[in-house]
N, C-alpha and C. Protein backbone atom coordinates (compact mmCIF):
# COMPACT_ATOMS: atom_id res chain seq x y z
N UNK A 1 48.89 -72.27 1.96
CA UNK A 1 47.19 -72.11 2.06
C UNK A 1 46.80 -70.77 1.96
N UNK A 2 47.68 -69.52 2.69
CA UNK A 2 47.02 -68.40 2.81
C UNK A 2 47.36 -67.71 1.42
N UNK A 3 48.07 -68.28 0.79
CA UNK A 3 47.87 -67.94 -0.89
C UNK A 3 46.96 -68.21 -1.48
N UNK A 4 46.19 -69.13 -1.26
CA UNK A 4 44.75 -69.83 -2.13
C UNK A 4 43.97 -68.82 -1.54
N UNK A 5 43.58 -68.63 0.00
CA UNK A 5 42.81 -67.59 0.66
C UNK A 5 43.11 -66.43 0.05
N UNK A 6 44.07 -65.87 -0.08
CA UNK A 6 44.35 -64.35 -0.74
C UNK A 6 43.98 -64.55 -1.95
N UNK A 7 43.79 -65.32 -2.95
CA UNK A 7 43.34 -65.41 -4.42
C UNK A 7 41.98 -65.14 -3.99
N UNK A 8 41.44 -65.99 -3.55
CA UNK A 8 39.73 -66.23 -3.09
C UNK A 8 39.18 -65.06 -2.79
N UNK A 9 40.07 -64.52 -2.00
CA UNK A 9 39.74 -63.24 -1.20
C UNK A 9 39.52 -62.10 -2.23
N UNK A 10 40.55 -61.80 -3.52
CA UNK A 10 40.68 -60.73 -4.06
C UNK A 10 39.48 -61.44 -5.43
N UNK A 11 39.60 -62.26 -5.30
CA UNK A 11 38.39 -62.71 -6.30
C UNK A 11 37.06 -62.59 -5.72
N UNK A 12 36.77 -62.54 -4.80
CA UNK A 12 35.38 -62.25 -4.04
C UNK A 12 35.22 -60.55 -4.12
N UNK A 13 36.34 -59.75 -3.75
CA UNK A 13 36.27 -58.57 -3.83
C UNK A 13 36.05 -57.86 -5.11
N UNK A 14 36.31 -58.76 -5.98
CA UNK A 14 36.16 -57.70 -7.48
C UNK A 14 37.49 -57.61 -7.83
N UNK A 15 38.81 -57.78 -7.16
CA UNK A 15 39.68 -57.22 -7.19
C UNK A 15 40.39 -58.30 -8.55
N UNK A 16 41.51 -57.49 -9.26
CA UNK A 16 42.67 -58.54 -10.16
C UNK A 16 43.50 -59.63 -9.20
N UNK A 17 43.66 -61.03 -9.84
CA UNK A 17 44.16 -61.93 -8.89
C UNK A 17 45.41 -61.68 -9.64
N UNK A 18 46.49 -61.06 -9.32
CA UNK A 18 47.94 -61.11 -9.69
C UNK A 18 48.96 -60.88 -8.78
N UNK A 19 50.13 -60.79 -9.03
CA UNK A 19 51.10 -60.88 -8.19
C UNK A 19 51.27 -59.73 -7.41
N UNK A 20 50.73 -58.34 -7.78
CA UNK A 20 50.98 -57.38 -7.10
C UNK A 20 49.94 -57.22 -5.92
N UNK A 21 48.64 -57.78 -6.49
CA UNK A 21 47.86 -57.35 -5.39
C UNK A 21 47.95 -58.98 -4.13
N UNK A 22 48.05 -60.10 -4.80
CA UNK A 22 48.69 -61.12 -3.94
C UNK A 22 49.52 -61.19 -2.81
N UNK A 23 50.27 -60.16 -3.37
CA UNK A 23 51.62 -59.82 -2.24
C UNK A 23 51.17 -58.68 -1.21
N UNK A 24 50.58 -57.84 -1.73
CA UNK A 24 50.01 -56.63 -0.69
C UNK A 24 49.11 -57.72 0.15
N UNK A 25 48.12 -58.42 -0.13
CA UNK A 25 47.09 -59.26 0.77
C UNK A 25 47.92 -60.32 1.63
N UNK A 26 48.95 -61.18 1.35
CA UNK A 26 49.72 -61.65 2.36
C UNK A 26 50.70 -60.79 3.17
N UNK A 27 51.51 -59.85 2.71
CA UNK A 27 51.84 -58.93 3.45
C UNK A 27 50.97 -58.37 4.50
N UNK A 28 49.78 -58.03 4.24
CA UNK A 28 48.93 -57.37 5.34
C UNK A 28 48.60 -58.33 6.68
N UNK A 29 48.77 -59.50 6.20
CA UNK A 29 48.84 -60.56 7.60
C UNK A 29 49.77 -60.62 8.28
N UNK A 30 50.74 -60.30 7.84
CA UNK A 30 52.21 -60.35 8.89
C UNK A 30 52.75 -61.73 8.77
N UNK A 31 52.41 -62.23 7.59
CA UNK A 31 52.98 -63.56 7.06
C UNK A 31 54.26 -63.19 6.04
N UNK A 32 55.30 -64.15 6.04
CA UNK A 32 56.35 -64.05 5.40
C UNK A 32 55.74 -64.50 3.91
N UNK A 33 56.20 -63.40 3.30
CA UNK A 33 55.73 -63.60 1.40
C UNK A 33 56.70 -64.21 0.74
N UNK A 34 56.45 -65.33 0.33
CA UNK A 34 57.29 -66.40 -0.59
C UNK A 34 56.94 -66.06 -1.81
N UNK A 35 57.72 -65.26 -2.73
CA UNK A 35 57.72 -64.86 -4.21
C UNK A 35 57.40 -65.77 -4.93
N UNK A 36 57.95 -67.14 -4.83
CA UNK A 36 57.79 -68.26 -5.77
C UNK A 36 56.56 -68.62 -5.57
N UNK A 37 56.14 -68.96 -4.07
CA UNK A 37 54.69 -69.55 -4.18
C UNK A 37 53.73 -68.24 -5.13
N UNK A 38 54.00 -67.12 -4.99
CA UNK A 38 53.10 -66.25 -5.64
C UNK A 38 53.16 -66.43 -6.92
N UNK A 39 54.37 -66.51 -7.35
CA UNK A 39 54.49 -66.72 -9.04
C UNK A 39 53.57 -68.00 -9.20
N UNK A 40 54.17 -69.20 -8.64
CA UNK A 40 53.39 -70.65 -9.10
C UNK A 40 52.10 -70.34 -8.89
N UNK A 41 51.31 -69.97 -8.19
CA UNK A 41 50.00 -69.89 -7.82
C UNK A 41 49.50 -69.04 -8.84
N UNK A 42 49.91 -67.88 -9.13
CA UNK A 42 49.50 -66.99 -10.15
C UNK A 42 49.21 -67.68 -11.63
N UNK A 43 50.80 -67.99 -12.13
CA UNK A 43 50.72 -68.91 -12.97
C UNK A 43 49.72 -70.20 -13.29
N UNK A 44 49.52 -70.97 -12.13
CA UNK A 44 48.78 -72.15 -12.36
C UNK A 44 46.91 -71.46 -12.45
N UNK A 45 46.67 -70.09 -12.31
CA UNK A 45 45.51 -69.83 -12.18
C UNK A 45 45.31 -68.99 -13.44
N UNK A 46 46.58 -69.20 -14.19
CA UNK A 46 46.21 -68.17 -15.61
C UNK A 46 45.41 -68.81 -16.60
N UNK A 47 44.32 -68.27 -17.08
CA UNK A 47 43.41 -68.48 -17.75
C UNK A 47 41.96 -69.51 -17.14
N UNK A 48 42.37 -69.49 -15.89
CA UNK A 48 40.93 -70.08 -15.23
C UNK A 48 40.35 -69.10 -14.71
N UNK A 49 38.92 -69.56 -15.21
CA UNK A 49 37.72 -68.88 -14.54
C UNK A 49 37.37 -69.05 -13.57
N UNK A 50 37.57 -68.32 -12.44
CA UNK A 50 37.56 -68.88 -10.88
C UNK A 50 36.12 -68.44 -10.61
N UNK A 51 35.08 -68.10 -10.92
CA UNK A 51 33.64 -67.93 -10.80
C UNK A 51 33.21 -69.47 -11.42
N UNK A 52 33.57 -69.61 -12.81
CA UNK A 52 32.96 -70.81 -12.81
C UNK A 52 33.42 -72.10 -12.03
N UNK A 53 34.93 -72.10 -11.85
CA UNK A 53 35.23 -73.38 -10.94
C UNK A 53 34.85 -73.31 -9.50
N UNK A 54 34.41 -72.28 -8.69
CA UNK A 54 33.46 -72.17 -7.58
C UNK A 54 32.51 -72.51 -7.53
N UNK A 55 31.81 -72.13 -8.61
CA UNK A 55 30.19 -72.89 -9.07
C UNK A 55 30.10 -74.21 -9.08
N UNK A 56 31.14 -75.00 -9.95
CA UNK A 56 31.51 -76.25 -9.95
C UNK A 56 31.84 -76.98 -8.92
N UNK A 57 32.62 -76.31 -8.00
CA UNK A 57 33.23 -76.93 -6.81
C UNK A 57 31.70 -76.66 -5.48
N UNK A 58 31.00 -76.13 -5.90
CA UNK A 58 29.45 -76.08 -4.69
C UNK A 58 28.85 -77.00 -5.22
N UNK A 59 28.77 -77.55 -6.51
CA UNK A 59 27.55 -78.62 -7.16
C UNK A 59 28.31 -79.61 -6.84
N UNK A 60 29.15 -79.75 -6.80
CA UNK A 60 30.15 -81.35 -6.74
C UNK A 60 30.10 -81.14 -5.17
N UNK A 61 30.44 -80.32 -4.13
CA UNK A 61 30.42 -80.52 -2.81
C UNK A 61 28.69 -81.09 -2.50
N UNK A 62 27.70 -80.49 -2.95
CA UNK A 62 26.08 -80.39 -3.01
C UNK A 62 25.73 -82.25 -3.18
N UNK A 63 26.60 -82.78 -4.41
CA UNK A 63 26.04 -84.20 -4.84
C UNK A 63 26.75 -84.72 -4.10
N UNK A 64 28.10 -84.63 -3.37
CA UNK A 64 28.61 -85.42 -2.77
C UNK A 64 27.85 -85.45 -1.11
N UNK A 65 27.46 -84.36 -0.45
CA UNK A 65 26.31 -84.72 0.38
C UNK A 65 25.23 -85.26 0.64
N UNK A 66 25.07 -85.22 -0.81
CA UNK A 66 23.45 -86.56 -1.00
C UNK A 66 23.93 -87.89 -1.13
N UNK A 67 25.07 -87.98 -1.63
CA UNK A 67 25.67 -89.42 -1.35
C UNK A 67 25.52 -90.23 -0.65
N UNK A 68 26.09 -89.90 0.65
CA UNK A 68 26.29 -90.54 1.29
C UNK A 68 24.86 -90.96 2.21
N UNK A 69 23.94 -90.28 1.93
CA UNK A 69 22.23 -90.32 2.31
C UNK A 69 21.84 -91.68 1.69
N UNK A 70 22.11 -91.54 -0.03
CA UNK A 70 21.89 -92.64 -0.79
C UNK A 70 22.59 -93.88 -0.13
N UNK A 71 23.71 -93.96 -0.11
CA UNK A 71 24.45 -95.13 0.50
C UNK A 71 24.35 -95.70 1.92
N UNK A 72 23.29 -95.05 2.79
CA UNK A 72 22.60 -95.23 4.30
C UNK A 72 21.87 -95.99 3.66
N UNK A 73 21.05 -95.86 2.58
CA UNK A 73 20.02 -96.17 2.30
C UNK A 73 19.66 -97.94 1.84
N UNK A 74 21.09 -97.73 1.05
CA UNK A 74 21.57 -99.18 0.23
C UNK A 74 22.06 -100.14 1.46
N UNK A 75 22.70 -99.73 2.54
CA UNK A 75 23.24 -100.15 3.58
C UNK A 75 22.03 -100.85 4.32
N UNK A 76 21.20 -99.83 4.15
CA UNK A 76 19.87 -100.66 5.47
C UNK A 76 19.26 -101.70 4.68
N UNK A 77 19.03 -101.59 3.28
CA UNK A 77 17.88 -102.47 2.60
C UNK A 77 19.37 -103.93 3.01
N UNK A 78 20.71 -103.91 2.39
CA UNK A 78 21.18 -105.29 2.56
C UNK A 78 21.55 -105.64 4.14
N UNK A 79 21.11 -104.78 5.14
CA UNK A 79 20.87 -105.30 6.45
C UNK A 79 19.52 -106.22 6.87
N UNK A 80 18.71 -105.67 6.07
CA UNK A 80 17.22 -106.31 5.53
C UNK A 80 17.55 -107.70 5.14
N UNK A 81 18.10 -107.93 4.18
CA UNK A 81 18.09 -108.98 3.66
C UNK A 81 18.70 -110.27 4.23
N UNK A 82 20.20 -109.97 5.12
CA UNK A 82 21.18 -110.90 5.32
C UNK A 82 20.21 -111.59 6.76
N UNK A 83 19.10 -111.10 7.78
CA UNK A 83 18.38 -111.80 8.64
C UNK A 83 17.86 -112.92 8.16
N UNK A 84 17.16 -112.76 6.86
CA UNK A 84 15.93 -113.74 6.16
C UNK A 84 17.02 -114.92 5.78
N UNK A 85 17.94 -114.65 5.14
CA UNK A 85 19.11 -115.69 4.65
C UNK A 85 19.48 -116.27 5.75
N UNK A 86 19.83 -116.00 6.99
CA UNK A 86 20.35 -116.72 8.08
C UNK A 86 19.17 -117.43 8.57
N UNK A 87 18.26 -116.89 8.94
CA UNK A 87 16.98 -117.91 9.38
C UNK A 87 16.38 -118.77 8.86
N UNK A 88 17.03 -118.57 7.18
CA UNK A 88 16.78 -119.82 6.25
C UNK A 88 17.33 -120.76 6.38
N UNK A 89 18.85 -120.56 6.70
CA UNK A 89 19.75 -121.37 6.67
C UNK A 89 19.92 -122.44 8.51
N UNK A 90 19.29 -121.82 9.33
CA UNK A 90 18.82 -122.22 10.38
C UNK A 90 17.89 -123.19 10.67
N UNK A 91 16.57 -122.90 10.03
CA UNK A 91 15.68 -123.61 9.62
C UNK A 91 16.23 -125.17 9.10
N UNK A 92 17.15 -125.11 8.12
CA UNK A 92 17.40 -126.46 7.55
C UNK A 92 18.15 -127.40 8.41
N UNK A 93 19.22 -126.52 9.43
CA UNK A 93 19.39 -127.48 10.10
C UNK A 93 18.80 -128.09 11.32
N UNK A 94 17.96 -127.08 11.90
CA UNK A 94 16.61 -127.87 13.00
C UNK A 94 15.76 -128.70 12.31
N UNK A 95 15.11 -128.67 11.27
CA UNK A 95 14.39 -129.43 10.61
C UNK A 95 13.01 -128.81 10.42
């Protein structure tokens, strides 16, 4: 996780997200630097526009936070319908 945080920090500061810079960030934290993880992360980020991906993630996050409120409204509507149906069934039993 610290490797991703390091890459995001480099991006935020306008520094190139490459092996050398990420190695410096991770080693500055005092954590053990795993060269394989750095190479894997840098390879997976090759050709990725981090600014666009972060903007997209923010948009998805905002739409996801709006979805539960909409779902709660639907649940409220369903709860209102059930007592009406059950009351009609009870009136049939007692005439």
